[in-house]
Amino acid sequence: MQSSINKKVDLCWVLSFVAEQSNALSGEAMHAALQDGTDAPLLGGGNGVNISFIAGTINNDENMRMARMLFRATRGKALTHFSEPFTQDGKSKIVYMVVFQDGQVIRNSVTKIADSFMGSRFDI
């Protein structure tokens, strides 16, 4: 029962971090569009590019290793964002969010790497 509660707490942390990051990304897209003089935001502008997100929690000391593995596996086509550390059940954890162009091959790579860190993973 405790693992189920921990997974729900992880989900709350992940959702709040993803909401914060998505607001920042859409704000930057709007700012860039205004600078260029265009009307449409850069993300979701109807150009046929789909962006996917995978988010979850891992131990705090594994964030750099995860970022390097994702960069190498995707050849730099995935962006990884990390939150500030938080403590849950005496363990220091961190929330990650991976942003990548949607495709089955890159999704499989990102999912396998995220699952190898033994944390919680959520498809956003």
PDB file of N, CA and C in Angstrom:
ATOM      1  N   MET A   1       0.812  -1.181   0.000  1.00  0.00           N
ATOM      2  CA  MET A   1       0.000   0.000   0.000  1.00  0.00           C
ATOM      3  C   MET A   1       0.871   1.267   0.000  1.00  0.00           C
ATOM      4  N   GLN A   2       2.008   1.198   0.679  1.00  0.00           N
ATOM      5  CA  GLN A   2       2.904   2.352   0.732  1.00  0.00           C
ATOM      6  C   GLN A   2       3.475   2.666  -0.649  1.00  0.00           C
ATOM      7  N   SER A   3       3.753   1.634  -1.459  1.00  0.00           N
ATOM      8  CA  SER A   3       4.278   1.886  -2.802  1.00  0.00           C
ATOM      9  C   SER A   3       3.243   2.579  -3.676  1.00  0.00           C
ATOM     10  N   SER A   4       1.982   2.248  -3.492  1.00  0.00           N
ATOM     11  CA  SER A   4       0.915   2.909  -4.241  1.00  0.00           C
ATOM     12  C   SER A   4       0.808   4.384  -3.851  1.00  0.00           C
ATOM     13  N   ILE A   5       0.929   4.663  -2.571  1.00  0.00           N
ATOM     14  CA  ILE A   5       0.896   6.052  -2.105  1.00  0.00           C
ATOM     15  C   ILE A   5       2.100   6.818  -2.636  1.00  0.00           C
ATOM     16  N   ASN A   6       3.284   6.183  -2.606  1.00  0.00           N
ATOM     17  CA  ASN A   6       4.485   6.839  -3.127  1.00  0.00           C
ATOM     18  C   ASN A   6       4.352   7.145  -4.612  1.00  0.00           C
ATOM     19  N   LYS A   7       3.730   6.236  -5.367  1.00  0.00           N
ATOM     20  CA  LYS A   7       3.535   6.477  -6.800  1.00  0.00           C
ATOM     21  C   LYS A   7       2.593   7.657  -7.025  1.00  0.00           C
ATOM     22  N   LYS A   8       1.557   7.787  -6.215  1.00  0.00           N
ATOM     23  CA  LYS A   8       0.634   8.929  -6.327  1.00  0.00           C
ATOM     24  C   LYS A   8       1.338  10.239  -5.969  1.00  0.00           C
ATOM     25  N   VAL A   9       2.186  10.206  -4.954  1.00  0.00           N
ATOM     26  CA  VAL A   9       2.949  11.403  -4.583  1.00  0.00           C
ATOM     27  C   VAL A   9       3.908  11.781  -5.705  1.00  0.00           C
ATOM     28  N   ASP A  10       4.559  10.770  -6.299  1.00  0.00           N
ATOM     29  CA  ASP A  10       5.433  11.030  -7.443  1.00  0.00           C
ATOM     30  C   ASP A  10       4.658  11.676  -8.585  1.00  0.00           C
ATOM     31  N   LEU A  11       3.451  11.175  -8.843  1.00  0.00           N
ATOM     32  CA  LEU A  11       2.625  11.726  -9.915  1.00  0.00           C
ATOM     33  C   LEU A  11       2.291  13.194  -9.640  1.00  0.00           C
ATOM     34  N   CYS A  12       1.998  13.530  -8.396  1.00  0.00           N
ATOM     35  CA  CYS A  12       1.717  14.935  -8.048  1.00  0.00           C
ATOM     36  C   CYS A  12       2.923  15.818  -8.313  1.00  0.00           C
ATOM     37  N   TRP A  13       4.114  15.356  -7.907  1.00  0.00           N
ATOM     38  CA  TRP A  13       5.330  16.123  -8.171  1.00  0.00           C
ATOM     39  C   TRP A  13       5.566  16.284  -9.671  1.00  0.00           C
ATOM     40  N   VAL A  14       5.368  15.199 -10.422  1.00  0.00           N
ATOM     41  CA  VAL A  14       5.589  15.226 -11.870  1.00  0.00           C
ATOM     42  C   VAL A  14       4.617  16.182 -12.545  1.00  0.00           C
ATOM     43  N   LEU A  15       3.342  16.110 -12.203  1.00  0.00           N
ATOM     44  CA  LEU A  15       2.354  16.970 -12.845  1.00  0.00           C
ATOM     45  C   LEU A  15       2.603  18.446 -12.554  1.00  0.00           C
ATOM     46  N   SER A  16       3.000  18.762 -11.340  1.00  0.00           N
ATOM     47  CA  SER A  16       3.279  20.172 -11.034  1.00  0.00           C
ATOM     48  C   SER A  16       4.515  20.660 -11.784  1.00  0.00           C
ATOM     49  N   PHE A  17       5.549  19.812 -11.904  1.00  0.00           N
ATOM     50  CA  PHE A  17       6.753  20.212 -12.631  1.00  0.00           C
ATOM     51  C   PHE A  17       6.472  20.360 -14.125  1.00  0.00           C
ATOM     52  N   VAL A  18       5.708  19.425 -14.699  1.00  0.00           N
ATOM     53  CA  VAL A  18       5.388  19.489 -16.133  1.00  0.00           C
ATOM     54  C   VAL A  18       4.540  20.716 -16.431  1.00  0.00           C
ATOM     55  N   ALA A  19       3.596  21.031 -15.552  1.00  0.00           N
ATOM     56  CA  ALA A  19       2.773  22.230 -15.758  1.00  0.00           C
ATOM     57  C   ALA A  19       3.632  23.484 -15.721  1.00  0.00           C
ATOM     58  N   GLU A  20       4.564  23.538 -14.786  1.00  0.00           N
ATOM     59  CA  GLU A  20       5.473  24.688 -14.688  1.00  0.00           C
ATOM     60  C   GLU A  20       6.343  24.814 -15.928  1.00  0.00           C
ATOM     61  N   GLN A  21       6.893  23.697 -16.401  1.00  0.00           N
ATOM     62  CA  GLN A  21       7.763  23.711 -17.579  1.00  0.00           C
ATOM     63  C   GLN A  21       6.982  24.008 -18.853  1.00  0.00           C
ATOM     64  N   SER A  22       5.781  23.483 -18.976  1.00  0.00           N
ATOM     65  CA  SER A  22       5.000  23.744 -20.193  1.00  0.00           C
ATOM     66  C   SER A  22       4.583  25.205 -20.267  1.00  0.00           C
ATOM     67  N   ASN A  23       4.291  25.817 -19.127  1.00  0.00           N
ATOM     68  CA  ASN A  23       4.000  27.249 -19.123  1.00  0.00           C
ATOM     69  C   ASN A  23       5.218  28.043 -19.552  1.00  0.00           C
ATOM     70  N   ALA A  24       6.385  27.627 -19.101  1.00  0.00           N
ATOM     71  CA  ALA A  24       7.619  28.316 -19.485  1.00  0.00           C
ATOM     72  C   ALA A  24       7.893  28.145 -20.977  1.00  0.00           C
ATOM     73  N   LEU A  25       7.689  26.919 -21.497  1.00  0.00           N
ATOM     74  CA  LEU A  25       7.936  26.674 -22.920  1.00  0.00           C
ATOM     75  C   LEU A  25       6.962  27.441 -23.799  1.00  0.00           C
ATOM     76  N   SER A  26       5.690  27.464 -23.450  1.00  0.00           N
ATOM     77  CA  SER A  26       4.727  28.184 -24.274  1.00  0.00           C
ATOM     78  C   SER A  26       4.944  29.685 -24.170  1.00  0.00           C
ATOM     79  N   GLY A  27       5.376  30.162 -23.017  1.00  0.00           N
ATOM     80  CA  GLY A  27       5.693  31.581 -22.874  1.00  0.00           C
ATOM     81  C   GLY A  27       6.875  31.986 -23.724  1.00  0.00           C
ATOM     82  N   GLU A  28       7.899  31.135 -23.782  1.00  0.00           N
ATOM     83  CA  GLU A  28       9.053  31.417 -24.627  1.00  0.00           C
ATOM     84  C   GLU A  28       8.668  31.375 -26.100  1.00  0.00           C
ATOM     85  N   ALA A  29       7.780  30.440 -26.469  1.00  0.00           N
ATOM     86  CA  ALA A  29       7.348  30.351 -27.863  1.00  0.00           C
ATOM     87  C   ALA A  29       6.584  31.605 -28.264  1.00  0.00           C
ATOM     88  N   MET A  30       5.713  32.082 -27.377  1.00  0.00           N
ATOM     89  CA  MET A  30       4.962  33.304 -27.673  1.00  0.00           C
ATOM     90  C   MET A  30       5.908  34.503 -27.769  1.00  0.00           C
ATOM     91  N   HIS A  31       6.889  34.570 -26.883  1.00  0.00           N
ATOM     92  CA  HIS A  31       7.843  35.670 -26.905  1.00  0.00           C
ATOM     93  C   HIS A  31       8.655  35.651 -28.203  1.00  0.00           C
ATOM     94  N   ALA A  32       9.093  34.466 -28.621  1.00  0.00           N
ATOM     95  CA  ALA A  32       9.861  34.359 -29.870  1.00  0.00           C
ATOM     96  C   ALA A  32       9.003  34.727 -31.067  1.00  0.00           C
ATOM     97  N   ALA A  33       7.720  34.338 -31.051  1.00  0.00           N
ATOM     98  CA  ALA A  33       6.829  34.668 -32.157  1.00  0.00           C
ATOM     99  C   ALA A  33       6.608  36.172 -32.234  1.00  0.00           C
ATOM    100  N   LEU A  34       6.486  36.818 -31.087  1.00  0.00           N
ATOM    101  CA  LEU A  34       6.315  38.267 -31.084  1.00  0.00           C
ATOM    102  C   LEU A  34       7.576  38.979 -31.562  1.00  0.00           C
ATOM    103  N   GLN A  35       8.733  38.439 -31.219  1.00  0.00           N
ATOM    104  CA  GLN A  35       9.998  39.032 -31.667  1.00  0.00           C
ATOM    105  C   GLN A  35      10.136  38.937 -33.189  1.00  0.00           C
ATOM    106  N   ASP A  36       9.691  37.794 -33.757  1.00  0.00           N
ATOM    107  CA  ASP A  36       9.808  37.589 -35.203  1.00  0.00           C
ATOM    108  C   ASP A  36       8.716  38.303 -35.982  1.00  0.00           C
ATOM    109  N   GLY A  37       7.656  38.715 -35.306  1.00  0.00           N
ATOM    110  CA  GLY A  37       6.554  39.370 -35.982  1.00  0.00           C
ATOM    111  C   GLY A  37       5.548  38.403 -36.581  1.00  0.00           C
ATOM    112  N   THR A  38       5.642  37.117 -36.209  1.00  0.00           N
ATOM    113  CA  THR A  38       4.695  36.130 -36.719  1.00  0.00           C
ATOM    114  C   THR A  38       3.499  36.055 -35.784  1.00  0.00           C
ATOM    115  N   ASP A  39       2.416  35.482 -36.285  1.00  0.00           N
ATOM    116  CA  ASP A  39       1.197  35.387 -35.495  1.00  0.00           C
ATOM    117  C   ASP A  39       1.098  34.099 -34.702  1.00  0.00           C
ATOM    118  N   ALA A  40       1.659  33.002 -35.215  1.00  0.00           N
ATOM    119  CA  ALA A  40       1.477  31.695 -34.593  1.00  0.00           C
ATOM    120  C   ALA A  40       2.630  31.383 -33.640  1.00  0.00           C
ATOM    121  N   PRO A  41       2.341  30.723 -32.521  1.00  0.00           N
ATOM    122  CA  PRO A  41       3.416  30.279 -31.642  1.00  0.00           C
ATOM    123  C   PRO A  41       4.233  29.182 -32.300  1.00  0.00           C
ATOM    124  N   LEU A  42       5.461  28.997 -31.837  1.00  0.00           N
ATOM    125  CA  LEU A  42       6.359  28.026 -32.441  1.00  0.00           C
ATOM    126  C   LEU A  42       5.936  26.586 -32.170  1.00  0.00           C
ATOM    127  N   LEU A  43       5.427  26.311 -30.970  1.00  0.00           N
ATOM    128  CA  LEU A  43       4.999  24.955 -30.646  1.00  0.00           C
ATOM    129  C   LEU A  43       3.564  24.765 -31.093  1.00  0.00           C
ATOM    130  N   GLY A  44       3.322  23.711 -31.839  1.00  0.00           N
ATOM    131  CA  GLY A  44       1.961  23.423 -32.282  1.00  0.00           C
ATOM    132  C   GLY A  44       1.474  24.390 -33.339  1.00  0.00           C
ATOM    133  N   GLY A  45       2.377  24.891 -34.134  1.00  0.00           N
ATOM    134  CA  GLY A  45       2.010  25.860 -35.141  1.00  0.00           C
ATOM    135  C   GLY A  45       1.438  25.256 -36.407  1.00  0.00           C
ATOM    136  N   GLY A  46       1.118  23.972 -36.412  1.00  0.00           N
ATOM    137  CA  GLY A  46       0.515  23.349 -37.576  1.00  0.00           C
ATOM    138  C   GLY A  46       1.515  22.937 -38.632  1.00  0.00           C
ATOM    139  N   ASN A  47       2.783  22.785 -38.263  1.00  0.00           N
ATOM    140  CA  ASN A  47       3.791  22.422 -39.249  1.00  0.00           C
ATOM    141  C   ASN A  47       3.988  20.920 -39.359  1.00  0.00           C
ATOM    142  N   GLY A  48       3.169  20.117 -38.683  1.00  0.00           N
ATOM    143  CA  GLY A  48       3.240  18.676 -38.817  1.00  0.00           C
ATOM    144  C   GLY A  48       4.219  17.997 -37.886  1.00  0.00           C
ATOM    145  N   VAL A  49       4.862  18.701 -36.987  1.00  0.00           N
ATOM    146  CA  VAL A  49       5.804  18.115 -36.050  1.00  0.00           C
ATOM    147  C   VAL A  49       5.087  17.855 -34.731  1.00  0.00           C
ATOM    148  N   ASN A  50       5.098  16.620 -34.287  1.00  0.00           N
ATOM    149  CA  ASN A  50       4.490  16.270 -33.012  1.00  0.00           C
ATOM    150  C   ASN A  50       5.576  16.116 -31.955  1.00  0.00           C
ATOM    151  N   ILE A  51       5.344  16.695 -30.809  1.00  0.00           N
ATOM    152  CA  ILE A  51       6.297  16.631 -29.718  1.00  0.00           C
ATOM    153  C   ILE A  51       5.710  15.759 -28.620  1.00  0.00           C
ATOM    154  N   SER A  52       6.531  14.869 -28.068  1.00  0.00           N
ATOM    155  CA  SER A  52       6.082  13.990 -26.996  1.00  0.00           C
ATOM    156  C   SER A  52       6.874  14.284 -25.724  1.00  0.00           C
ATOM    157  N   PHE A  53       6.258  13.941 -24.609  1.00  0.00           N
ATOM    158  CA  PHE A  53       6.863  14.150 -23.303  1.00  0.00           C
ATOM    159  C   PHE A  53       6.806  12.846 -22.513  1.00  0.00           C
ATOM    160  N   ILE A  54       7.871  12.545 -21.824  1.00  0.00           N
ATOM    161  CA  ILE A  54       7.883  11.475 -20.835  1.00  0.00           C
ATOM    162  C   ILE A  54       8.466  12.090 -19.575  1.00  0.00           C
ATOM    163  N   ALA A  55       7.829  11.836 -18.449  1.00  0.00           N
ATOM    164  CA  ALA A  55       8.288  12.415 -17.197  1.00  0.00           C
ATOM    165  C   ALA A  55       8.212  11.370 -16.098  1.00  0.00           C
ATOM    166  N   GLY A  56       8.951  11.614 -15.029  1.00  0.00           N
ATOM    167  CA  GLY A  56       8.945  10.700 -13.903  1.00  0.00           C
ATOM    168  C   GLY A  56       9.888  11.170 -12.825  1.00  0.00           C
ATOM    169  N   THR A  57      10.175  10.282 -11.893  1.00  0.00           N
ATOM    170  CA  THR A  57      11.098  10.596 -10.808  1.00  0.00           C
ATOM    171  C   THR A  57      12.219   9.576 -10.773  1.00  0.00           C
ATOM    172  N   ILE A  58      13.410  10.039 -10.384  1.00  0.00           N
ATOM    173  CA  ILE A  58      14.569   9.175 -10.181  1.00  0.00           C
ATOM    174  C   ILE A  58      15.298   9.667  -8.937  1.00  0.00           C
ATOM    175  N   ASN A  59      16.292   8.899  -8.509  1.00  0.00           N
ATOM    176  CA  ASN A  59      17.132   9.353  -7.403  1.00  0.00           C
ATOM    177  C   ASN A  59      17.913  10.586  -7.824  1.00  0.00           C
ATOM    178  N   ASN A  60      18.141  11.468  -6.875  1.00  0.00           N
ATOM    179  CA  ASN A  60      18.771  12.754  -7.168  1.00  0.00           C
ATOM    180  C   ASN A  60      20.171  12.606  -7.756  1.00  0.00           C
ATOM    181  N   ASP A  61      20.928  11.622  -7.318  1.00  0.00           N
ATOM    182  CA  ASP A  61      22.317  11.501  -7.762  1.00  0.00           C
ATOM    183  C   ASP A  61      22.475  10.882  -9.147  1.00  0.00           C
ATOM    184  N   GLU A  62      21.387  10.514  -9.817  1.00  0.00           N
ATOM    185  CA  GLU A  62      21.471   9.868 -11.127  1.00  0.00           C
ATOM    186  C   GLU A  62      21.066  10.776 -12.281  1.00  0.00           C
ATOM    187  N   ASN A  63      20.825  12.069 -12.021  1.00  0.00           N
ATOM    188  CA  ASN A  63      20.311  12.932 -13.083  1.00  0.00           C
ATOM    189  C   ASN A  63      21.322  13.174 -14.197  1.00  0.00           C
ATOM    190  N   MET A  64      22.580  13.380 -13.874  1.00  0.00           N
ATOM    191  CA  MET A  64      23.571  13.632 -14.932  1.00  0.00           C
ATOM    192  C   MET A  64      23.820  12.384 -15.783  1.00  0.00           C
ATOM    193  N   ARG A  65      23.823  11.236 -15.150  1.00  0.00           N
ATOM    194  CA  ARG A  65      24.009   9.994 -15.898  1.00  0.00           C
ATOM    195  C   ARG A  65      22.845   9.770 -16.863  1.00  0.00           C
ATOM    196  N   MET A  66      21.631  10.061 -16.394  1.00  0.00           N
ATOM    197  CA  MET A  66      20.459   9.911 -17.263  1.00  0.00           C
ATOM    198  C   MET A  66      20.513  10.887 -18.434  1.00  0.00           C
ATOM    199  N   ALA A  67      20.887  12.121 -18.164  1.00  0.00           N
ATOM    200  CA  ALA A  67      20.971  13.125 -19.232  1.00  0.00           C
ATOM    201  C   ALA A  67      21.991  12.706 -20.290  1.00  0.00           C
ATOM    202  N   ARG A  68      23.141  12.194 -19.860  1.00  0.00           N
ATOM    203  CA  ARG A  68      24.160  11.751 -20.818  1.00  0.00           C
ATOM    204  C   ARG A  68      23.673  10.565 -21.640  1.00  0.00           C
ATOM    205  N   MET A  69      23.033   9.593 -20.983  1.00  0.00           N
ATOM    206  CA  MET A  69      22.536   8.420 -21.710  1.00  0.00           C
ATOM    207  C   MET A  69      21.481   8.804 -22.744  1.00  0.00           C
ATOM    208  N   LEU A  70      20.563   9.698 -22.366  1.00  0.00           N
ATOM    209  CA  LEU A  70      19.530  10.133 -23.311  1.00  0.00           C
ATOM    210  C   LEU A  70      20.130  10.904 -24.474  1.00  0.00           C
ATOM    211  N   PHE A  71      21.107  11.758 -24.195  1.00  0.00           N
ATOM    212  CA  PHE A  71      21.746  12.526 -25.258  1.00  0.00           C
ATOM    213  C   PHE A  71      22.444  11.599 -26.245  1.00  0.00           C
ATOM    214  N   ARG A  72      23.166  10.616 -25.734  1.00  0.00           N
ATOM    215  CA  ARG A  72      23.888   9.693 -26.619  1.00  0.00           C
ATOM    216  C   ARG A  72      22.939   8.790 -27.405  1.00  0.00           C
ATOM    217  N   ALA A  73      21.908   8.280 -26.747  1.00  0.00           N
ATOM    218  CA  ALA A  73      20.991   7.351 -27.416  1.00  0.00           C
ATOM    219  C   ALA A  73      20.154   8.038 -28.488  1.00  0.00           C
ATOM    220  N   THR A  74      19.793   9.297 -28.261  1.00  0.00           N
ATOM    221  CA  THR A  74      18.950  10.001 -29.222  1.00  0.00           C
ATOM    222  C   THR A  74      19.744  10.911 -30.142  1.00  0.00           C
ATOM    223  N   ARG A  75      21.051  10.912 -29.995  1.00  0.00           N
ATOM    224  CA  ARG A  75      21.944  11.762 -30.789  1.00  0.00           C
ATOM    225  C   ARG A  75      21.577  13.236 -30.668  1.00  0.00           C
ATOM    226  N   GLY A  76      21.238  13.635 -29.454  1.00  0.00           N
ATOM    227  CA  GLY A  76      20.951  15.032 -29.171  1.00  0.00           C
ATOM    228  C   GLY A  76      19.554  15.492 -29.555  1.00  0.00           C
ATOM    229  N   LYS A  77      18.674  14.567 -29.882  1.00  0.00           N
ATOM    230  CA  LYS A  77      17.326  14.942 -30.320  1.00  0.00           C
ATOM    231  C   LYS A  77      16.304  14.937 -29.194  1.00  0.00           C
ATOM    232  N   ALA A  78      16.754  14.777 -27.961  1.00  0.00           N
ATOM    233  CA  ALA A  78      15.853  14.808 -26.811  1.00  0.00           C
ATOM    234  C   ALA A  78      16.389  15.815 -25.804  1.00  0.00           C
ATOM    235  N   LEU A  79      15.499  16.633 -25.277  1.00  0.00           N
ATOM    236  CA  LEU A  79      15.856  17.597 -24.247  1.00  0.00           C
ATOM    237  C   LEU A  79      15.402  17.061 -22.899  1.00  0.00           C
ATOM    238  N   THR A  80      16.262  17.160 -21.900  1.00  0.00           N
ATOM    239  CA  THR A  80      15.933  16.667 -20.573  1.00  0.00           C
ATOM    240  C   THR A  80      15.954  17.832 -19.597  1.00  0.00           C
ATOM    241  N   HIS A  81      14.879  17.974 -18.844  1.00  0.00           N
ATOM    242  CA  HIS A  81      14.758  19.017 -17.823  1.00  0.00           C
ATOM    243  C   HIS A  81      14.617  18.341 -16.470  1.00  0.00           C
ATOM    244  N   PHE A  82      15.281  18.902 -15.448  1.00  0.00           N
ATOM    245  CA  PHE A  82      15.220  18.353 -14.101  1.00  0.00           C
ATOM    246  C   PHE A  82      14.713  19.408 -13.142  1.00  0.00           C
ATOM    247  N   SER A  83      13.976  18.959 -12.123  1.00  0.00           N
ATOM    248  CA  SER A  83      13.462  19.865 -11.096  1.00  0.00           C
ATOM    249  C   SER A  83      14.468  19.968  -9.953  1.00  0.00           C
ATOM    250  N   GLU A  84      14.080  20.737  -8.966  1.00  0.00           N
ATOM    251  CA  GLU A  84      14.852  20.799  -7.732  1.00  0.00           C
ATOM    252  C   GLU A  84      14.601  19.506  -6.954  1.00  0.00           C
ATOM    253  N   PRO A  85      15.588  19.038  -6.204  1.00  0.00           N
ATOM    254  CA  PRO A  85      15.397  17.801  -5.431  1.00  0.00           C
ATOM    255  C   PRO A  85      14.351  17.957  -4.327  1.00  0.00           C
ATOM    256  N   PHE A  86      13.687  16.863  -4.031  1.00  0.00           N
ATOM    257  CA  PHE A  86      12.757  16.807  -2.913  1.00  0.00           C
ATOM    258  C   PHE A  86      12.990  15.496  -2.169  1.00  0.00           C
ATOM    259  N   THR A  87      12.522  15.413  -0.945  1.00  0.00           N
ATOM    260  CA  THR A  87      12.735  14.227  -0.123  1.00  0.00           C
ATOM    261  C   THR A  87      11.421  13.490   0.062  1.00  0.00           C
ATOM    262  N   GLN A  88      11.477  12.178  -0.164  1.00  0.00           N
ATOM    263  CA  GLN A  88      10.315  11.313   0.028  1.00  0.00           C
ATOM    264  C   GLN A  88      10.793  10.034   0.702  1.00  0.00           C
ATOM    265  N   ASP A  89      10.264   9.732   1.860  1.00  0.00           N
ATOM    266  CA  ASP A  89      10.640   8.545   2.640  1.00  0.00           C
ATOM    267  C   ASP A  89      12.143   8.480   2.902  1.00  0.00           C
ATOM    268  N   GLY A  90      12.757   9.607   3.161  1.00  0.00           N
ATOM    269  CA  GLY A  90      14.179   9.655   3.477  1.00  0.00           C
ATOM    270  C   GLY A  90      15.099   9.592   2.271  1.00  0.00           C
ATOM    271  N   LYS A  91      14.545   9.520   1.071  1.00  0.00           N
ATOM    272  CA  LYS A  91      15.347   9.468  -0.158  1.00  0.00           C
ATOM    273  C   LYS A  91      15.230  10.790  -0.887  1.00  0.00           C
ATOM    274  N   SER A  92      16.344  11.245  -1.416  1.00  0.00           N
ATOM    275  CA  SER A  92      16.340  12.470  -2.204  1.00  0.00           C
ATOM    276  C   SER A  92      16.017  12.106  -3.650  1.00  0.00           C
ATOM    277  N   LYS A  93      14.920  12.650  -4.167  1.00  0.00           N
ATOM    278  CA  LYS A  93      14.478  12.365  -5.530  1.00  0.00           C
ATOM    279  C   LYS A  93      14.453  13.644  -6.347  1.00  0.00           C
ATOM    280  N   ILE A  94      14.336  13.454  -7.648  1.00  0.00           N
ATOM    281  CA  ILE A  94      14.265  14.578  -8.569  1.00  0.00           C
ATOM    282  C   ILE A  94      13.276  14.208  -9.674  1.00  0.00           C
ATOM    283  N   VAL A  95      12.560  15.198 -10.185  1.00  0.00           N
ATOM    284  CA  VAL A  95      11.617  14.980 -11.288  1.00  0.00           C
ATOM    285  C   VAL A  95      12.336  15.290 -12.598  1.00  0.00           C
ATOM    286  N   TYR A  96      12.153  14.430 -13.591  1.00  0.00           N
ATOM    287  CA  TYR A  96      12.711  14.678 -14.924  1.00  0.00           C
ATOM    288  C   TYR A  96      11.577  14.786 -15.924  1.00  0.00           C
ATOM    289  N   MET A  97      11.844  15.516 -16.996  1.00  0.00           N
ATOM    290  CA  MET A  97      10.916  15.596 -18.121  1.00  0.00           C
ATOM    291  C   MET A  97      11.743  15.539 -19.394  1.00  0.00           C
ATOM    292  N   VAL A  98      11.419  14.608 -20.264  1.00  0.00           N
ATOM    293  CA  VAL A  98      12.124  14.449 -21.536  1.00  0.00           C
ATOM    294  C   VAL A  98      11.195  14.902 -22.645  1.00  0.00           C
ATOM    295  N   VAL A  99      11.677  15.812 -23.477  1.00  0.00           N
ATOM    296  CA  VAL A  99      10.920  16.348 -24.601  1.00  0.00           C
ATOM    297  C   VAL A  99      11.612  15.874 -25.880  1.00  0.00           C
ATOM    298  N   PHE A 100      10.834  15.266 -26.780  1.00  0.00           N
ATOM    299  CA  PHE A 100      11.427  14.761 -28.021  1.00  0.00           C
ATOM    300  C   PHE A 100      10.396  14.768 -29.124  1.00  0.00           C
ATOM    301  N   GLN A 101      10.889  14.730 -30.369  1.00  0.00           N
ATOM    302  CA  GLN A 101      10.000  14.656 -31.519  1.00  0.00           C
ATOM    303  C   GLN A 101       9.407  13.256 -31.570  1.00  0.00           C
ATOM    304  N   ASP A 102       8.095  13.186 -31.744  1.00  0.00           N
ATOM    305  CA  ASP A 102       7.408  11.900 -31.668  1.00  0.00           C
ATOM    306  C   ASP A 102       7.848  10.986 -32.790  1.00  0.00           C
ATOM    307  N   GLY A 103       8.175   9.781 -32.422  1.00  0.00           N
ATOM    308  CA  GLY A 103       8.559   8.726 -33.349  1.00  0.00           C
ATOM    309  C   GLY A 103       8.748   7.449 -32.554  1.00  0.00           C
ATOM    310  N   GLN A 104       8.430   6.313 -33.144  1.00  0.00           N
ATOM    311  CA  GLN A 104       8.449   5.061 -32.393  1.00  0.00           C
ATOM    312  C   GLN A 104       9.850   4.664 -31.959  1.00  0.00           C
ATOM    313  N   VAL A 105      10.845   4.871 -32.796  1.00  0.00           N
ATOM    314  CA  VAL A 105      12.214   4.465 -32.461  1.00  0.00           C
ATOM    315  C   VAL A 105      12.750   5.288 -31.291  1.00  0.00           C
ATOM    316  N   ILE A 106      12.609   6.589 -31.364  1.00  0.00           N
ATOM    317  CA  ILE A 106      13.114   7.440 -30.290  1.00  0.00           C
ATOM    318  C   ILE A 106      12.302   7.250 -29.012  1.00  0.00           C
ATOM    319  N   ARG A 107      10.986   7.003 -29.138  1.00  0.00           N
ATOM    320  CA  ARG A 107      10.151   6.739 -27.957  1.00  0.00           C
ATOM    321  C   ARG A 107      10.602   5.466 -27.246  1.00  0.00           C
ATOM    322  N   ASN A 108      10.914   4.413 -28.012  1.00  0.00           N
ATOM    323  CA  ASN A 108      11.387   3.167 -27.407  1.00  0.00           C
ATOM    324  C   ASN A 108      12.709   3.379 -26.672  1.00  0.00           C
ATOM    325  N   SER A 109      13.613   4.126 -27.278  1.00  0.00           N
ATOM    326  CA  SER A 109      14.904   4.387 -26.640  1.00  0.00           C
ATOM    327  C   SER A 109      14.736   5.164 -25.341  1.00  0.00           C
ATOM    328  N   VAL A 110      13.936   6.219 -25.382  1.00  0.00           N
ATOM    329  CA  VAL A 110      13.728   7.050 -24.195  1.00  0.00           C
ATOM    330  C   VAL A 110      13.039   6.250 -23.096  1.00  0.00           C
ATOM    331  N   THR A 111      12.057   5.442 -23.467  1.00  0.00           N
ATOM    332  CA  THR A 111      11.332   4.641 -22.484  1.00  0.00           C
ATOM    333  C   THR A 111      12.233   3.603 -21.824  1.00  0.00           C
ATOM    334  N   LYS A 112      13.064   2.934 -22.600  1.00  0.00           N
ATOM    335  CA  LYS A 112      13.971   1.933 -22.039  1.00  0.00           C
ATOM    336  C   LYS A 112      14.967   2.566 -21.076  1.00  0.00           C
ATOM    337  N   ILE A 113      15.501   3.708 -21.451  1.00  0.00           N
ATOM    338  CA  ILE A 113      16.461   4.387 -20.575  1.00  0.00           C
ATOM    339  C   ILE A 113      15.782   4.857 -19.300  1.00  0.00           C
ATOM    340  N   ALA A 114      14.599   5.436 -19.419  1.00  0.00           N
ATOM    341  CA  ALA A 114      13.882   5.923 -18.235  1.00  0.00           C
ATOM    342  C   ALA A 114      13.528   4.762 -17.301  1.00  0.00           C
ATOM    343  N   ASP A 115      13.130   3.637 -17.857  1.00  0.00           N
ATOM    344  CA  ASP A 115      12.785   2.480 -17.031  1.00  0.00           C
ATOM    345  C   ASP A 115      14.005   1.869 -16.347  1.00  0.00           C
ATOM    346  N   SER A 116      15.181   2.031 -16.928  1.00  0.00           N
ATOM    347  CA  SER A 116      16.384   1.441 -16.345  1.00  0.00           C
ATOM    348  C   SER A 116      16.809   2.125 -15.051  1.00  0.00           C
ATOM    349  N   PHE A 117      16.292   3.306 -14.762  1.00  0.00           N
ATOM    350  CA  PHE A 117      16.671   4.032 -13.556  1.00  0.00           C
ATOM    351  C   PHE A 117      15.795   3.691 -12.360  1.00  0.00           C
ATOM    352  N   MET A 118      14.884   2.760 -12.501  1.00  0.00           N
ATOM    353  CA  MET A 118      14.079   2.219 -11.405  1.00  0.00           C
ATOM    354  C   MET A 118      13.287   3.277 -10.646  1.00  0.00           C
ATOM    355  N   GLY A 119      12.826   4.283 -11.344  1.00  0.00           N
ATOM    356  CA  GLY A 119      11.965   5.288 -10.728  1.00  0.00           C
ATOM    357  C   GLY A 119      10.566   5.148 -11.288  1.00  0.00           C
ATOM    358  N   SER A 120       9.760   6.130 -11.033  1.00  0.00           N
ATOM    359  CA  SER A 120       8.424   6.153 -11.609  1.00  0.00           C
ATOM    360  C   SER A 120       8.477   6.867 -12.951  1.00  0.00           C
ATOM    361  N   ARG A 121       7.765   6.334 -13.951  1.00  0.00           N
ATOM    362  CA  ARG A 121       7.716   6.953 -15.276  1.00  0.00           C
ATOM    363  C   ARG A 121       6.263   7.129 -15.668  1.00  0.00           C
ATOM    364  N   PHE A 122       5.963   8.289 -16.237  1.00  0.00           N
ATOM    365  CA  PHE A 122       4.594   8.592 -16.673  1.00  0.00           C
ATOM    366  C   PHE A 122       4.644   9.172 -18.070  1.00  0.00           C
ATOM    367  N   ASP A 123       3.761   8.707 -18.953  1.00  0.00           N
ATOM    368  CA  ASP A 123       3.616   9.293 -20.284  1.00  0.00           C
ATOM    369  C   ASP A 123       2.721  10.512 -20.152  1.00  0.00           C
ATOM    370  N   ILE A 124       3.210  11.637 -20.615  1.00  0.00           N
ATOM    371  CA  ILE A 124       2.464  12.891 -20.501  1.00  0.00           C
ATOM    372  C   ILE A 124       1.932  13.258 -21.867  1.00  0.00           C
TER     373      ILE A 124
END
